[in-house]
């Protein structure tokens, strides 16, 4: 099981990213807009840089829903490879069977 502090930090990052998403997208669009003057674009860059770092969605880390493990994450199932294997072998994931040939 992952440390509770890491799990809570990840939840906080997700909340902050959702809160600031609209403003970040607006500023990023202003930075890319070639029709604006350089000063206006620079002001948008500065405003974007002054936003909290954790407001960026790329700082969110996918973690296993079962044990919080950050590595070996399988998107289709929302869990790590270790948890997936344990639950699949126990028959607790519908539609998943052990392969044989």
PDB file of N, CA and C in Angstrom:
ATOM      1  N   UNK A   1       0.845  -1.184   0.000  1.00  0.00           N
ATOM      2  CA  UNK A   1       0.000   0.000   0.000  1.00  0.00           C
ATOM      3  C   UNK A   1       0.886   1.243   0.000  1.00  0.00           C
ATOM      4  N   UNK A   2       0.513   2.211  -0.812  1.00  0.00           N
ATOM      5  CA  UNK A   2       1.273   3.463  -0.899  1.00  0.00           C
ATOM      6  C   UNK A   2       1.056   4.289   0.360  1.00  0.00           C
ATOM      7  N   UNK A   3       1.985   5.201   0.595  1.00  0.00           N
ATOM      8  CA  UNK A   3       1.850   6.088   1.742  1.00  0.00           C
ATOM      9  C   UNK A   3       0.595   6.939   1.576  1.00  0.00           C
ATOM     10  N   UNK A   4      -0.114   7.146   2.643  1.00  0.00           N
ATOM     11  CA  UNK A   4      -1.339   7.940   2.601  1.00  0.00           C
ATOM     12  C   UNK A   4      -1.053   9.360   2.166  1.00  0.00           C
ATOM     13  N   UNK A   5       0.105   9.888   2.540  1.00  0.00           N
ATOM     14  CA  UNK A   5       0.439  11.258   2.158  1.00  0.00           C
ATOM     15  C   UNK A   5       0.561  11.397   0.639  1.00  0.00           C
ATOM     16  N   UNK A   6       1.113  10.385  -0.029  1.00  0.00           N
ATOM     17  CA  UNK A   6       1.239  10.420  -1.490  1.00  0.00           C
ATOM     18  C   UNK A   6      -0.134  10.361  -2.155  1.00  0.00           C
ATOM     19  N   UNK A   7      -1.015   9.532  -1.615  1.00  0.00           N
ATOM     20  CA  UNK A   7      -2.368   9.429  -2.160  1.00  0.00           C
ATOM     21  C   UNK A   7      -3.120  10.743  -2.004  1.00  0.00           C
ATOM     22  N   UNK A   8      -2.987  11.373  -0.834  1.00  0.00           N
ATOM     23  CA  UNK A   8      -3.667  12.646  -0.584  1.00  0.00           C
ATOM     24  C   UNK A   8      -3.090  13.761  -1.455  1.00  0.00           C
ATOM     25  N   UNK A   9      -1.775  13.747  -1.646  1.00  0.00           N
ATOM     26  CA  UNK A   9      -1.140  14.755  -2.499  1.00  0.00           C
ATOM     27  C   UNK A   9      -1.656  14.637  -3.931  1.00  0.00           C
ATOM     28  N   UNK A  10      -1.810  13.405  -4.402  1.00  0.00           N
ATOM     29  CA  UNK A  10      -2.318  13.177  -5.748  1.00  0.00           C
ATOM     30  C   UNK A  10      -3.758  13.682  -5.882  1.00  0.00           C
ATOM     31  N   UNK A  11      -4.567  13.476  -4.838  1.00  0.00           N
ATOM     32  CA  UNK A  11      -5.951  13.968  -4.857  1.00  0.00           C
ATOM     33  C   UNK A  11      -5.974  15.492  -4.886  1.00  0.00           C
ATOM     34  N   UNK A  12      -5.069  16.098  -4.140  1.00  0.00           N
ATOM     35  CA  UNK A  12      -4.987  17.560  -4.099  1.00  0.00           C
ATOM     36  C   UNK A  12      -4.606  18.126  -5.468  1.00  0.00           C
ATOM     37  N   UNK A  13      -3.666  17.477  -6.142  1.00  0.00           N
ATOM     38  CA  UNK A  13      -3.249  17.906  -7.474  1.00  0.00           C
ATOM     39  C   UNK A  13      -4.428  17.822  -8.446  1.00  0.00           C
ATOM     40  N   UNK A  14      -5.198  16.751  -8.344  1.00  0.00           N
ATOM     41  CA  UNK A  14      -6.358  16.583  -9.221  1.00  0.00           C
ATOM     42  C   UNK A  14      -7.394  17.682  -8.987  1.00  0.00           C
ATOM     43  N   UNK A  15      -7.641  18.015  -7.717  1.00  0.00           N
ATOM     44  CA  UNK A  15      -8.593  19.093  -7.392  1.00  0.00           C
ATOM     45  C   UNK A  15      -8.103  20.437  -7.913  1.00  0.00           C
ATOM     46  N   UNK A  16      -6.813  20.741  -7.698  1.00  0.00           N
ATOM     47  CA  UNK A  16      -6.248  22.006  -8.165  1.00  0.00           C
ATOM     48  C   UNK A  16      -6.285  22.106  -9.688  1.00  0.00           C
ATOM     49  N   UNK A  17      -5.980  21.011 -10.361  1.00  0.00           N
ATOM     50  CA  UNK A  17      -5.984  21.009 -11.821  1.00  0.00           C
ATOM     51  C   UNK A  17      -7.390  21.277 -12.349  1.00  0.00           C
ATOM     52  N   UNK A  18      -8.382  20.686 -11.714  1.00  0.00           N
ATOM     53  CA  UNK A  18      -9.769  20.909 -12.142  1.00  0.00           C
ATOM     54  C   UNK A  18     -10.194  22.351 -11.879  1.00  0.00           C
ATOM     55  N   UNK A  19      -9.755  22.891 -10.758  1.00  0.00           N
ATOM     56  CA  UNK A  19     -10.123  24.255 -10.376  1.00  0.00           C
ATOM     57  C   UNK A  19      -9.548  25.289 -11.347  1.00  0.00           C
ATOM     58  N   UNK A  20      -8.316  25.117 -11.767  1.00  0.00           N
ATOM     59  CA  UNK A  20      -7.622  26.100 -12.595  1.00  0.00           C
ATOM     60  C   UNK A  20      -7.634  25.764 -14.088  1.00  0.00           C
ATOM     61  N   UNK A  21      -8.329  24.701 -14.473  1.00  0.00           N
ATOM     62  CA  UNK A  21      -8.279  24.232 -15.861  1.00  0.00           C
ATOM     63  C   UNK A  21      -8.712  25.306 -16.868  1.00  0.00           C
ATOM     64  N   UNK A  22      -9.835  25.939 -16.622  1.00  0.00           N
ATOM     65  CA  UNK A  22     -10.356  26.924 -17.578  1.00  0.00           C
ATOM     66  C   UNK A  22      -9.393  28.100 -17.740  1.00  0.00           C
ATOM     67  N   UNK A  23      -8.888  28.610 -16.626  1.00  0.00           N
ATOM     68  CA  UNK A  23      -7.974  29.756 -16.672  1.00  0.00           C
ATOM     69  C   UNK A  23      -6.674  29.397 -17.389  1.00  0.00           C
ATOM     70  N   UNK A  24      -6.132  28.192 -17.119  1.00  0.00           N
ATOM     71  CA  UNK A  24      -4.897  27.752 -17.780  1.00  0.00           C
ATOM     72  C   UNK A  24      -5.094  27.647 -19.291  1.00  0.00           C
ATOM     73  N   UNK A  25      -6.211  27.073 -19.704  1.00  0.00           N
ATOM     74  CA  UNK A  25      -6.482  26.930 -21.137  1.00  0.00           C
ATOM     75  C   UNK A  25      -6.619  28.292 -21.808  1.00  0.00           C
ATOM     76  N   UNK A  26      -7.268  29.222 -21.118  1.00  0.00           N
ATOM     77  CA  UNK A  26      -7.423  30.583 -21.658  1.00  0.00           C
ATOM     78  C   UNK A  26      -6.056  31.248 -21.843  1.00  0.00           C
ATOM     79  N   UNK A  27      -5.202  31.155 -20.835  1.00  0.00           N
ATOM     80  CA  UNK A  27      -3.873  31.767 -20.914  1.00  0.00           C
ATOM     81  C   UNK A  27      -3.009  31.099 -21.984  1.00  0.00           C
ATOM     82  N   UNK A  28      -3.087  29.766 -22.087  1.00  0.00           N
ATOM     83  CA  UNK A  28      -2.310  29.062 -23.102  1.00  0.00           C
ATOM     84  C   UNK A  28      -2.755  29.461 -24.504  1.00  0.00           C
ATOM     85  N   UNK A  29      -4.043  29.682 -24.666  1.00  0.00           N
ATOM     86  CA  UNK A  29      -4.548  30.117 -25.976  1.00  0.00           C
ATOM     87  C   UNK A  29      -4.043  31.520 -26.299  1.00  0.00           C
ATOM     88  N   UNK A  30      -3.994  32.387 -25.301  1.00  0.00           N
ATOM     89  CA  UNK A  30      -3.484  33.750 -25.511  1.00  0.00           C
ATOM     90  C   UNK A  30      -2.000  33.735 -25.870  1.00  0.00           C
ATOM     91  N   UNK A  31      -1.240  32.855 -25.249  1.00  0.00           N
ATOM     92  CA  UNK A  31       0.195  32.756 -25.537  1.00  0.00           C
ATOM     93  C   UNK A  31       0.414  32.322 -26.993  1.00  0.00           C
ATOM     94  N   UNK A  32      -0.424  31.424 -27.496  1.00  0.00           N
ATOM     95  CA  UNK A  32      -0.265  30.908 -28.860  1.00  0.00           C
ATOM     96  C   UNK A  32      -0.861  31.814 -29.925  1.00  0.00           C
ATOM     97  N   UNK A  33      -1.723  32.753 -29.530  1.00  0.00           N
ATOM     98  CA  UNK A  33      -2.418  33.612 -30.490  1.00  0.00           C
ATOM     99  C   UNK A  33      -1.448  34.603 -31.140  1.00  0.00           C
ATOM    100  N   UNK A  34      -1.183  34.422 -32.428  1.00  0.00           N
ATOM    101  CA  UNK A  34      -0.228  35.269 -33.148  1.00  0.00           C
ATOM    102  C   UNK A  34      -0.794  36.663 -33.452  1.00  0.00           C
ATOM    103  N   UNK A  35      -2.082  36.827 -33.299  1.00  0.00           N
ATOM    104  CA  UNK A  35      -2.714  38.116 -33.611  1.00  0.00           C
ATOM    105  C   UNK A  35      -2.523  39.137 -32.485  1.00  0.00           C
ATOM    106  N   UNK A  36      -2.194  38.666 -31.281  1.00  0.00           N
ATOM    107  CA  UNK A  36      -1.965  39.575 -30.154  1.00  0.00           C
ATOM    108  C   UNK A  36      -0.569  40.176 -30.253  1.00  0.00           C
ATOM    109  N   UNK A  37      -0.396  41.304 -29.567  1.00  0.00           N
ATOM    110  CA  UNK A  37       0.932  41.917 -29.546  1.00  0.00           C
ATOM    111  C   UNK A  37       1.857  41.104 -28.647  1.00  0.00           C
ATOM    112  N   UNK A  38       3.144  41.329 -28.802  1.00  0.00           N
ATOM    113  CA  UNK A  38       4.122  40.596 -27.994  1.00  0.00           C
ATOM    114  C   UNK A  38       3.926  40.873 -26.509  1.00  0.00           C
ATOM    115  N   UNK A  39       3.602  42.120 -26.156  1.00  0.00           N
ATOM    116  CA  UNK A  39       3.410  42.484 -24.747  1.00  0.00           C
ATOM    117  C   UNK A  39       2.235  41.732 -24.132  1.00  0.00           C
ATOM    118  N   UNK A  40       1.144  41.608 -24.897  1.00  0.00           N
ATOM    119  CA  UNK A  40      -0.026  40.880 -24.393  1.00  0.00           C
ATOM    120  C   UNK A  40       0.289  39.395 -24.214  1.00  0.00           C
ATOM    121  N   UNK A  41       1.012  38.834 -25.175  1.00  0.00           N
ATOM    122  CA  UNK A  41       1.392  37.430 -25.065  1.00  0.00           C
ATOM    123  C   UNK A  41       2.361  37.207 -23.912  1.00  0.00           C
ATOM    124  N   UNK A  42       3.259  38.152 -23.724  1.00  0.00           N
ATOM    125  CA  UNK A  42       4.224  38.040 -22.618  1.00  0.00           C
ATOM    126  C   UNK A  42       3.505  38.125 -21.275  1.00  0.00           C
ATOM    127  N   UNK A  43       2.508  39.003 -21.173  1.00  0.00           N
ATOM    128  CA  UNK A  43       1.726  39.116 -19.944  1.00  0.00           C
ATOM    129  C   UNK A  43       0.999  37.797 -19.652  1.00  0.00           C
ATOM    130  N   UNK A  44       0.499  37.153 -20.705  1.00  0.00           N
ATOM    131  CA  UNK A  44      -0.170  35.859 -20.529  1.00  0.00           C
ATOM    132  C   UNK A  44       0.829  34.800 -20.070  1.00  0.00           C
ATOM    133  N   UNK A  45       2.053  34.837 -20.609  1.00  0.00           N
ATOM    134  CA  UNK A  45       3.098  33.884 -20.199  1.00  0.00           C
ATOM    135  C   UNK A  45       3.430  34.057 -18.722  1.00  0.00           C
ATOM    136  N   UNK A  46       3.544  35.312 -18.306  1.00  0.00           N
ATOM    137  CA  UNK A  46       3.875  35.598 -16.907  1.00  0.00           C
ATOM    138  C   UNK A  46       2.750  35.137 -15.990  1.00  0.00           C
ATOM    139  N   UNK A  47       1.497  35.413 -16.387  1.00  0.00           N
ATOM    140  CA  UNK A  47       0.348  34.987 -15.575  1.00  0.00           C
ATOM    141  C   UNK A  47       0.296  33.466 -15.478  1.00  0.00           C
ATOM    142  N   UNK A  48       0.622  32.792 -16.573  1.00  0.00           N
ATOM    143  CA  UNK A  48       0.636  31.329 -16.585  1.00  0.00           C
ATOM    144  C   UNK A  48       1.732  30.793 -15.669  1.00  0.00           C
ATOM    145  N   UNK A  49       2.885  31.449 -15.682  1.00  0.00           N
ATOM    146  CA  UNK A  49       3.999  31.015 -14.838  1.00  0.00           C
ATOM    147  C   UNK A  49       3.726  31.259 -13.357  1.00  0.00           C
ATOM    148  N   UNK A  50       2.883  32.231 -13.045  1.00  0.00           N
ATOM    149  CA  UNK A  50       2.587  32.550 -11.642  1.00  0.00           C
ATOM    150  C   UNK A  50       1.511  31.647 -11.044  1.00  0.00           C
ATOM    151  N   UNK A  51       0.848  30.859 -11.867  1.00  0.00           N
ATOM    152  CA  UNK A  51      -0.160  29.935 -11.352  1.00  0.00           C
ATOM    153  C   UNK A  51       0.542  28.822 -10.564  1.00  0.00           C
ATOM    154  N   UNK A  52      -0.177  28.167  -9.660  1.00  0.00           N
ATOM    155  CA  UNK A  52       0.439  27.077  -8.895  1.00  0.00           C
ATOM    156  C   UNK A  52       0.918  25.950  -9.811  1.00  0.00           C
ATOM    157  N   UNK A  53       2.058  25.381  -9.489  1.00  0.00           N
ATOM    158  CA  UNK A  53       2.606  24.298 -10.306  1.00  0.00           C
ATOM    159  C   UNK A  53       1.667  23.097 -10.341  1.00  0.00           C
ATOM    160  N   UNK A  54       1.060  22.799  -9.204  1.00  0.00           N
ATOM    161  CA  UNK A  54       0.196  21.629  -9.136  1.00  0.00           C
ATOM    162  C   UNK A  54      -1.136  21.839  -9.850  1.00  0.00           C
ATOM    163  N   UNK A  55      -1.341  23.006 -10.453  1.00  0.00           N
ATOM    164  CA  UNK A  55      -2.564  23.248 -11.220  1.00  0.00           C
ATOM    165  C   UNK A  55      -2.442  22.651 -12.616  1.00  0.00           C
ATOM    166  N   UNK A  56      -1.294  22.149 -12.965  1.00  0.00           N
ATOM    167  CA  UNK A  56      -1.077  21.533 -14.261  1.00  0.00           C
ATOM    168  C   UNK A  56      -1.475  20.057 -14.206  1.00  0.00           C
ATOM    169  N   UNK A  57      -2.190  19.587 -15.223  1.00  0.00           N
ATOM    170  CA  UNK A  57      -2.654  18.201 -15.219  1.00  0.00           C
ATOM    171  C   UNK A  57      -1.529  17.189 -15.388  1.00  0.00           C
ATOM    172  N   UNK A  58      -0.388  17.596 -15.939  1.00  0.00           N
ATOM    173  CA  UNK A  58       0.699  16.638 -16.146  1.00  0.00           C
ATOM    174  C   UNK A  58       1.373  16.241 -14.835  1.00  0.00           C
ATOM    175  N   UNK A  59       1.091  16.944 -13.768  1.00  0.00           N
ATOM    176  CA  UNK A  59       1.687  16.587 -12.476  1.00  0.00           C
ATOM    177  C   UNK A  59       0.880  15.513 -11.747  1.00  0.00           C
ATOM    178  N   UNK A  60      -0.301  15.190 -12.277  1.00  0.00           N
ATOM    179  CA  UNK A  60      -1.119  14.122 -11.697  1.00  0.00           C
ATOM    180  C   UNK A  60      -0.526  12.767 -12.083  1.00  0.00           C
ATOM    181  N   UNK A  61      -0.475  11.852 -11.145  1.00  0.00           N
ATOM    182  CA  UNK A  61       0.127  10.542 -11.381  1.00  0.00           C
ATOM    183  C   UNK A  61      -0.964   9.480 -11.305  1.00  0.00           C
ATOM    184  N   UNK A  62      -1.097   8.665 -12.353  1.00  0.00           N
ATOM    185  CA  UNK A  62      -2.052   7.556 -12.309  1.00  0.00           C
ATOM    186  C   UNK A  62      -1.596   6.565 -11.253  1.00  0.00           C
ATOM    187  N   UNK A  63      -2.524   6.172 -10.383  1.00  0.00           N
ATOM    188  CA  UNK A  63      -2.202   5.227  -9.322  1.00  0.00           C
ATOM    189  C   UNK A  63      -3.243   4.123  -9.276  1.00  0.00           C
ATOM    190  N   UNK A  64      -2.818   2.971  -8.806  1.00  0.00           N
ATOM    191  CA  UNK A  64      -3.692   1.812  -8.678  1.00  0.00           C
ATOM    192  C   UNK A  64      -4.831   2.126  -7.702  1.00  0.00           C
ATOM    193  N   UNK A  65      -6.051   1.760  -8.079  1.00  0.00           N
ATOM    194  CA  UNK A  65      -7.209   1.995  -7.219  1.00  0.00           C
ATOM    195  C   UNK A  65      -7.222   1.043  -6.029  1.00  0.00           C
ATOM    196  N   UNK A  66      -6.527  -0.088  -6.150  1.00  0.00           N
ATOM    197  CA  UNK A  66      -6.527  -1.089  -5.088  1.00  0.00           C
ATOM    198  C   UNK A  66      -5.506  -0.757  -4.006  1.00  0.00           C
ATOM    199  N   UNK A  67      -4.254  -0.510  -4.407  1.00  0.00           N
ATOM    200  CA  UNK A  67      -3.214  -0.319  -3.408  1.00  0.00           C
ATOM    201  C   UNK A  67      -2.415   0.976  -3.564  1.00  0.00           C
ATOM    202  N   UNK A  68      -2.712   1.793  -4.570  1.00  0.00           N
ATOM    203  CA  UNK A  68      -2.037   3.075  -4.726  1.00  0.00           C
ATOM    204  C   UNK A  68      -0.681   3.013  -5.392  1.00  0.00           C
ATOM    205  N   UNK A  69      -0.319   1.868  -5.943  1.00  0.00           N
ATOM    206  CA  UNK A  69       0.989   1.725  -6.575  1.00  0.00           C
ATOM    207  C   UNK A  69       1.077   2.606  -7.822  1.00  0.00           C
ATOM    208  N   UNK A  70       2.158   3.413  -7.958  1.00  0.00           N
ATOM    209  CA  UNK A  70       2.245   4.341  -9.081  1.00  0.00           C
ATOM    210  C   UNK A  70       2.807   3.739 -10.361  1.00  0.00           C
ATOM    211  N   UNK A  71       3.473   2.604 -10.285  1.00  0.00           N
ATOM    212  CA  UNK A  71       4.109   2.039 -11.475  1.00  0.00           C
ATOM    213  C   UNK A  71       3.366   0.805 -11.965  1.00  0.00           C
ATOM    214  N   UNK A  72       3.539   0.502 -13.233  1.00  0.00           N
ATOM    215  CA  UNK A  72       2.877  -0.659 -13.815  1.00  0.00           C
ATOM    216  C   UNK A  72       1.379  -0.480 -13.881  1.00  0.00           C
ATOM    217  N   UNK A  73       0.924   0.739 -14.165  1.00  0.00           N
ATOM    218  CA  UNK A  73      -0.501   1.070 -14.169  1.00  0.00           C
ATOM    219  C   UNK A  73      -1.144   0.645 -15.485  1.00  0.00           C
ATOM    220  N   UNK A  74      -2.248  -0.081 -15.415  1.00  0.00           N
ATOM    221  CA  UNK A  74      -3.005  -0.495 -16.595  1.00  0.00           C
ATOM    222  C   UNK A  74      -4.245   0.383 -16.698  1.00  0.00           C
ATOM    223  N   UNK A  75      -4.290   1.244 -17.713  1.00  0.00           N
ATOM    224  CA  UNK A  75      -5.390   2.195 -17.855  1.00  0.00           C
ATOM    225  C   UNK A  75      -6.750   1.531 -17.997  1.00  0.00           C
ATOM    226  N   UNK A  76      -6.795   0.457 -18.748  1.00  0.00           N
ATOM    227  CA  UNK A  76      -8.068  -0.199 -19.025  1.00  0.00           C
ATOM    228  C   UNK A  76      -8.747  -0.700 -17.753  1.00  0.00           C
ATOM    229  N   UNK A  77      -7.957  -1.016 -16.732  1.00  0.00           N
ATOM    230  CA  UNK A  77      -8.509  -1.563 -15.500  1.00  0.00           C
ATOM    231  C   UNK A  77      -8.363  -0.623 -14.307  1.00  0.00           C
ATOM    232  N   UNK A  78      -7.534   0.407 -14.437  1.00  0.00           N
ATOM    233  CA  UNK A  78      -7.352   1.363 -13.341  1.00  0.00           C
ATOM    234  C   UNK A  78      -6.585   0.798 -12.166  1.00  0.00           C
ATOM    235  N   UNK A  79      -5.730  -0.180 -12.444  1.00  0.00           N
ATOM    236  CA  UNK A  79      -4.952  -0.773 -11.354  1.00  0.00           C
ATOM    237  C   UNK A  79      -3.573  -1.173 -11.851  1.00  0.00           C
ATOM    238  N   UNK A  80      -2.711  -1.501 -10.903  1.00  0.00           N
ATOM    239  CA  UNK A  80      -1.352  -1.895 -11.258  1.00  0.00           C
ATOM    240  C   UNK A  80      -1.347  -3.336 -11.759  1.00  0.00           C
ATOM    241  N   UNK A  81      -0.255  -3.693 -12.415  1.00  0.00           N
ATOM    242  CA  UNK A  81      -0.129  -5.047 -12.953  1.00  0.00           C
ATOM    243  C   UNK A  81      -0.152  -6.093 -11.856  1.00  0.00           C
ATOM    244  N   UNK A  82       0.381  -5.750 -10.672  1.00  0.00           N
ATOM    245  CA  UNK A  82       0.438  -6.691  -9.563  1.00  0.00           C
ATOM    246  C   UNK A  82      -0.973  -6.994  -9.053  1.00  0.00           C
ATOM    247  N   UNK A  83      -1.748  -5.937  -8.804  1.00  0.00           N
ATOM    248  CA  UNK A  83      -3.123  -6.118  -8.335  1.00  0.00           C
ATOM    249  C   UNK A  83      -3.968  -6.804  -9.396  1.00  0.00           C
ATOM    250  N   UNK A  84      -3.746  -6.424 -10.651  1.00  0.00           N
ATOM    251  CA  UNK A  84      -4.498  -7.032 -11.740  1.00  0.00           C
ATOM    252  C   UNK A  84      -4.281  -8.533 -11.768  1.00  0.00           C
ATOM    253  N   UNK A  85      -3.027  -8.943 -11.661  1.00  0.00           N
ATOM    254  CA  UNK A  85      -2.714 -10.381 -11.730  1.00  0.00           C
ATOM    255  C   UNK A  85      -3.354 -11.138 -10.565  1.00  0.00           C
ATOM    256  N   UNK A  86      -3.250 -10.574  -9.363  1.00  0.00           N
ATOM    257  CA  UNK A  86      -3.835 -11.231  -8.181  1.00  0.00           C
ATOM    258  C   UNK A  86      -5.342 -11.403  -8.348  1.00  0.00           C
ATOM    259  N   UNK A  87      -6.031 -10.321  -8.723  1.00  0.00           N
ATOM    260  CA  UNK A  87      -7.483 -10.373  -8.846  1.00  0.00           C
ATOM    261  C   UNK A  87      -7.923 -11.237 -10.031  1.00  0.00           C
ATOM    262  N   UNK A  88      -7.158 -11.222 -11.115  1.00  0.00           N
ATOM    263  CA  UNK A  88      -7.509 -12.031 -12.278  1.00  0.00           C
ATOM    264  C   UNK A  88      -7.378 -13.516 -11.964  1.00  0.00           C
ATOM    265  N   UNK A  89      -6.331 -13.886 -11.251  1.00  0.00           N
ATOM    266  CA  UNK A  89      -6.141 -15.297 -10.908  1.00  0.00           C
ATOM    267  C   UNK A  89      -7.195 -15.780  -9.918  1.00  0.00           C
ATOM    268  N   UNK A  90      -7.725 -14.873  -9.098  1.00  0.00           N
ATOM    269  CA  UNK A  90      -8.796 -15.225  -8.165  1.00  0.00           C
ATOM    270  C   UNK A  90     -10.157 -15.240  -8.856  1.00  0.00           C
ATOM    271  N   UNK A  91     -10.192 -14.770 -10.110  1.00  0.00           N
ATOM    272  CA  UNK A  91     -11.440 -14.746 -10.863  1.00  0.00           C
ATOM    273  C   UNK A  91     -12.350 -13.597 -10.484  1.00  0.00           C
ATOM    274  N   UNK A  92     -11.791 -12.515  -9.952  1.00  0.00           N
ATOM    275  CA  UNK A  92     -12.604 -11.388  -9.489  1.00  0.00           C
ATOM    276  C   UNK A  92     -12.754 -10.278 -10.524  1.00  0.00           C
ATOM    277  N   UNK A  93     -12.108 -10.427 -11.694  1.00  0.00           N
ATOM    278  CA  UNK A  93     -12.253  -9.450 -12.775  1.00  0.00           C
ATOM    279  C   UNK A  93     -13.052 -10.133 -13.883  1.00  0.00           C
ATOM    280  N   UNK A  94     -14.265  -9.666 -14.158  1.00  0.00           N
ATOM    281  CA  UNK A  94     -15.103 -10.324 -15.157  1.00  0.00           C
ATOM    282  C   UNK A  94     -14.483 -10.286 -16.549  1.00  0.00           C
ATOM    283  N   UNK A  95     -14.571 -11.404 -17.262  1.00  0.00           N
ATOM    284  CA  UNK A  95     -14.116 -11.473 -18.638  1.00  0.00           C
ATOM    285  C   UNK A  95     -12.637 -11.728 -18.811  1.00  0.00           C
ATOM    286  N   UNK A  96     -11.893 -11.827 -17.744  1.00  0.00           N
ATOM    287  CA  UNK A  96     -10.442 -12.049 -17.848  1.00  0.00           C
ATOM    288  C   UNK A  96     -10.147 -13.499 -17.481  1.00  0.00           C
ATOM    289  N   UNK A  97      -9.479 -14.191 -18.409  1.00  0.00           N
ATOM    290  CA  UNK A  97      -9.094 -15.570 -18.153  1.00  0.00           C
ATOM    291  C   UNK A  97      -7.604 -15.736 -18.404  1.00  0.00           C
ATOM    292  N   UNK A  98      -7.027 -16.702 -17.770  1.00  0.00           N
ATOM    293  CA  UNK A  98      -5.618 -16.969 -17.968  1.00  0.00           C
ATOM    294  C   UNK A  98      -5.420 -17.596 -19.349  1.00  0.00           C
ATOM    295  N   UNK A  99      -4.419 -17.096 -20.056  1.00  0.00           N
ATOM    296  CA  UNK A  99      -4.175 -17.568 -21.407  1.00  0.00           C
ATOM    297  C   UNK A  99      -3.474 -18.918 -21.399  1.00  0.00           C
ATOM    298  N   UNK A 100      -3.837 -19.743 -22.376  1.00  0.00           N
ATOM    299  CA  UNK A 100      -3.121 -21.023 -22.544  1.00  0.00           C
ATOM    300  C   UNK A 100      -3.135 -21.389 -24.018  1.00  0.00           C
ATOM    301  N   UNK A 101      -2.014 -21.933 -24.508  1.00  0.00           N
ATOM    302  CA  UNK A 101      -1.937 -22.355 -25.918  1.00  0.00           C
ATOM    303  C   UNK A 101      -0.997 -23.500 -26.104  1.00  0.00           C
TER     304      UNK A 101
END
